[in-house]
Amino acid sequence: MANERVEDPNDYVEVGQEVDVWVSEIRDDGKLGLTMVEGKIGGGGGRRPADLTSFEAVDPDEWLSGTVDNVLDFGAFVTVTLPDGSASASGLVH
């Protein structure tokens, strides 16, 4: 979300805001890591794996547009859609 430590994600984003994010990680457990700062790596708690195979072809240098779904103390959840509209997924930006 920022190069420095973010104390309050609400200072950077709000629910419904359109943001540009980078897919920083597609994990084996079905989690999608997103960042607003290229090179940052995602993470988070346990949940059922999601099918993110559609995102495997996204070039690491490609930025995607997304919508902020929720802002929590540790980051923001953003939903991104592939440019061709074929798939959407949510990930944590931190």
C-alpha atoms as a PDB file:
ATOM      1  CA  MET A   1       0.000   0.000   0.000  1.00  0.00           C
ATOM      2  CA  ALA A   2       2.970   2.264   0.756  1.00  0.00           C
ATOM      3  CA  ASN A   3       6.745   2.025   1.047  1.00  0.00           C
ATOM      4  CA  GLU A   4       6.542   2.957   4.718  1.00  0.00           C
ATOM      5  CA  ARG A   5       4.654   1.212   7.531  1.00  0.00           C
ATOM      6  CA  VAL A   6       0.946   1.990   7.297  1.00  0.00           C
ATOM      7  CA  GLU A   7      -0.635   2.678  10.668  1.00  0.00           C
ATOM      8  CA  ASP A   8      -4.132   3.260   9.275  1.00  0.00           C
ATOM      9  CA  PRO A   9      -5.072   2.009   5.784  1.00  0.00           C
ATOM     10  CA  ASN A  10      -8.001   4.463   5.858  1.00  0.00           C
ATOM     11  CA  ASP A  11      -5.401   7.202   5.316  1.00  0.00           C
ATOM     12  CA  TYR A  12      -4.681   5.648   1.880  1.00  0.00           C
ATOM     13  CA  VAL A  13      -7.926   4.070   0.630  1.00  0.00           C
ATOM     14  CA  GLU A  14     -11.647   3.926   1.266  1.00  0.00           C
ATOM     15  CA  VAL A  15     -14.329   1.360   0.464  1.00  0.00           C
ATOM     16  CA  GLY A  16     -15.505   1.711  -3.139  1.00  0.00           C
ATOM     17  CA  GLN A  17     -12.370   3.571  -4.261  1.00  0.00           C
ATOM     18  CA  GLU A  18     -10.850   2.521  -7.606  1.00  0.00           C
ATOM     19  CA  VAL A  19      -7.137   1.685  -7.210  1.00  0.00           C
ATOM     20  CA  ASP A  20      -4.306   0.325  -9.351  1.00  0.00           C
ATOM     21  CA  VAL A  21      -2.656  -2.771  -7.924  1.00  0.00           C
ATOM     22  CA  TRP A  22      -0.023  -5.288  -8.891  1.00  0.00           C
ATOM     23  CA  VAL A  23      -0.444  -9.052  -8.426  1.00  0.00           C
ATOM     24  CA  SER A  24       2.475  -9.745  -6.106  1.00  0.00           C
ATOM     25  CA  GLU A  25       1.766 -13.389  -5.333  1.00  0.00           C
ATOM     26  CA  ILE A  26      -0.456 -16.313  -6.275  1.00  0.00           C
ATOM     27  CA  ARG A  27      -0.146 -18.829  -3.476  1.00  0.00           C
ATOM     28  CA  ASP A  28      -0.794 -22.569  -3.556  1.00  0.00           C
ATOM     29  CA  ASP A  29      -3.420 -22.143  -0.820  1.00  0.00           C
ATOM     30  CA  GLY A  30      -5.619 -20.044  -3.125  1.00  0.00           C
ATOM     31  CA  LYS A  31      -4.705 -16.603  -1.837  1.00  0.00           C
ATOM     32  CA  LEU A  32      -4.023 -13.689  -4.114  1.00  0.00           C
ATOM     33  CA  GLY A  33      -1.527 -11.111  -2.855  1.00  0.00           C
ATOM     34  CA  LEU A  34      -1.927  -7.586  -4.213  1.00  0.00           C
ATOM     35  CA  THR A  35       0.115  -4.471  -3.659  1.00  0.00           C
ATOM     36  CA  MET A  36       0.077  -0.837  -4.598  1.00  0.00           C
ATOM     37  CA  VAL A  37       3.894  -0.906  -4.347  1.00  0.00           C
ATOM     38  CA  GLU A  38       5.617  -3.209  -6.833  1.00  0.00           C
ATOM     39  CA  GLY A  39       7.661  -5.923  -5.151  1.00  0.00           C
ATOM     40  CA  LYS A  40       5.672  -6.304  -1.928  1.00  0.00           C
ATOM     41  CA  ILE A  41       4.488  -9.841  -1.056  1.00  0.00           C
ATOM     42  CA  GLY A  42       0.995 -10.830   0.165  1.00  0.00           C
ATOM     43  CA  GLY A  43      -0.070 -13.072   3.041  1.00  0.00           C
ATOM     44  CA  GLY A  44      -2.911 -13.678   5.479  1.00  0.00           C
ATOM     45  CA  GLY A  45      -4.902 -16.213   7.488  1.00  0.00           C
ATOM     46  CA  GLY A  46      -6.377 -19.573   6.490  1.00  0.00           C
ATOM     47  CA  ARG A  47      -9.356 -20.127   4.188  1.00  0.00           C
ATOM     48  CA  ARG A  48     -10.471 -22.475   1.429  1.00  0.00           C
ATOM     49  CA  PRO A  49      -8.235 -22.152  -1.656  1.00  0.00           C
ATOM     50  CA  ALA A  50      -9.640 -20.117  -4.548  1.00  0.00           C
ATOM     51  CA  ASP A  51      -9.068 -20.986  -8.210  1.00  0.00           C
ATOM     52  CA  LEU A  52      -6.654 -18.309  -9.385  1.00  0.00           C
ATOM     53  CA  THR A  53      -5.363 -20.100 -12.481  1.00  0.00           C
ATOM     54  CA  SER A  54      -6.735 -17.307 -14.683  1.00  0.00           C
ATOM     55  CA  PHE A  55      -4.319 -14.904 -13.012  1.00  0.00           C
ATOM     56  CA  GLU A  56      -1.225 -17.043 -13.664  1.00  0.00           C
ATOM     57  CA  ALA A  57      -0.852 -15.514 -17.139  1.00  0.00           C
ATOM     58  CA  VAL A  58      -0.801 -11.931 -15.803  1.00  0.00           C
ATOM     59  CA  ASP A  59       2.580 -10.416 -16.573  1.00  0.00           C
ATOM     60  CA  PRO A  60       4.388  -9.397 -13.357  1.00  0.00           C
ATOM     61  CA  ASP A  61       4.819  -5.892 -14.815  1.00  0.00           C
ATOM     62  CA  GLU A  62       1.089  -5.452 -15.561  1.00  0.00           C
ATOM     63  CA  TRP A  63      -0.970  -3.239 -13.267  1.00  0.00           C
ATOM     64  CA  LEU A  64      -4.662  -4.010 -12.810  1.00  0.00           C
ATOM     65  CA  SER A  65      -7.526  -1.738 -11.804  1.00  0.00           C
ATOM     66  CA  GLY A  66      -9.430  -2.804  -8.716  1.00  0.00           C
ATOM     67  CA  THR A  67     -12.073  -1.700  -6.239  1.00  0.00           C
ATOM     68  CA  VAL A  68     -11.511  -1.502  -2.501  1.00  0.00           C
ATOM     69  CA  ASP A  69     -13.973  -3.853  -0.769  1.00  0.00           C
ATOM     70  CA  ASN A  70     -12.933  -3.420   2.843  1.00  0.00           C
ATOM     71  CA  VAL A  71     -10.308  -1.598   4.894  1.00  0.00           C
ATOM     72  CA  LEU A  72      -8.949  -3.168   8.080  1.00  0.00           C
ATOM     73  CA  ASP A  73      -6.127  -2.290  10.477  1.00  0.00           C
ATOM     74  CA  PHE A  74      -3.620  -4.400   8.511  1.00  0.00           C
ATOM     75  CA  GLY A  75      -4.565  -3.478   4.934  1.00  0.00           C
ATOM     76  CA  ALA A  76      -7.305  -3.303   2.347  1.00  0.00           C
ATOM     77  CA  PHE A  77      -9.136  -6.017   0.421  1.00  0.00           C
ATOM     78  CA  VAL A  78      -9.357  -5.183  -3.280  1.00  0.00           C
ATOM     79  CA  THR A  79     -11.258  -6.988  -6.041  1.00  0.00           C
ATOM     80  CA  VAL A  80      -9.488  -7.042  -9.404  1.00  0.00           C
ATOM     81  CA  THR A  81     -10.774  -8.198 -12.776  1.00  0.00           C
ATOM     82  CA  LEU A  82      -8.620  -9.368 -15.655  1.00  0.00           C
ATOM     83  CA  PRO A  83      -8.487  -6.844 -18.518  1.00  0.00           C
ATOM     84  CA  ASP A  84     -10.586  -9.142 -20.726  1.00  0.00           C
ATOM     85  CA  GLY A  85     -13.229  -9.446 -17.969  1.00  0.00           C
ATOM     86  CA  SER A  86     -12.925 -13.239 -17.831  1.00  0.00           C
ATOM     87  CA  ALA A  87     -12.156 -13.556 -14.107  1.00  0.00           C
ATOM     88  CA  SER A  88     -12.227 -11.590 -10.870  1.00  0.00           C
ATOM     89  CA  ALA A  89     -10.576 -12.215  -7.525  1.00  0.00           C
ATOM     90  CA  SER A  90     -10.075 -10.459  -4.216  1.00  0.00           C
ATOM     91  CA  GLY A  91      -6.754  -9.992  -2.511  1.00  0.00           C
ATOM     92  CA  LEU A  92      -5.154  -8.187   0.382  1.00  0.00           C
ATOM     93  CA  VAL A  93      -3.156  -5.024  -0.274  1.00  0.00           C
ATOM     94  CA  HIS A  94      -0.702  -4.296   2.523  1.00  0.00           C
END
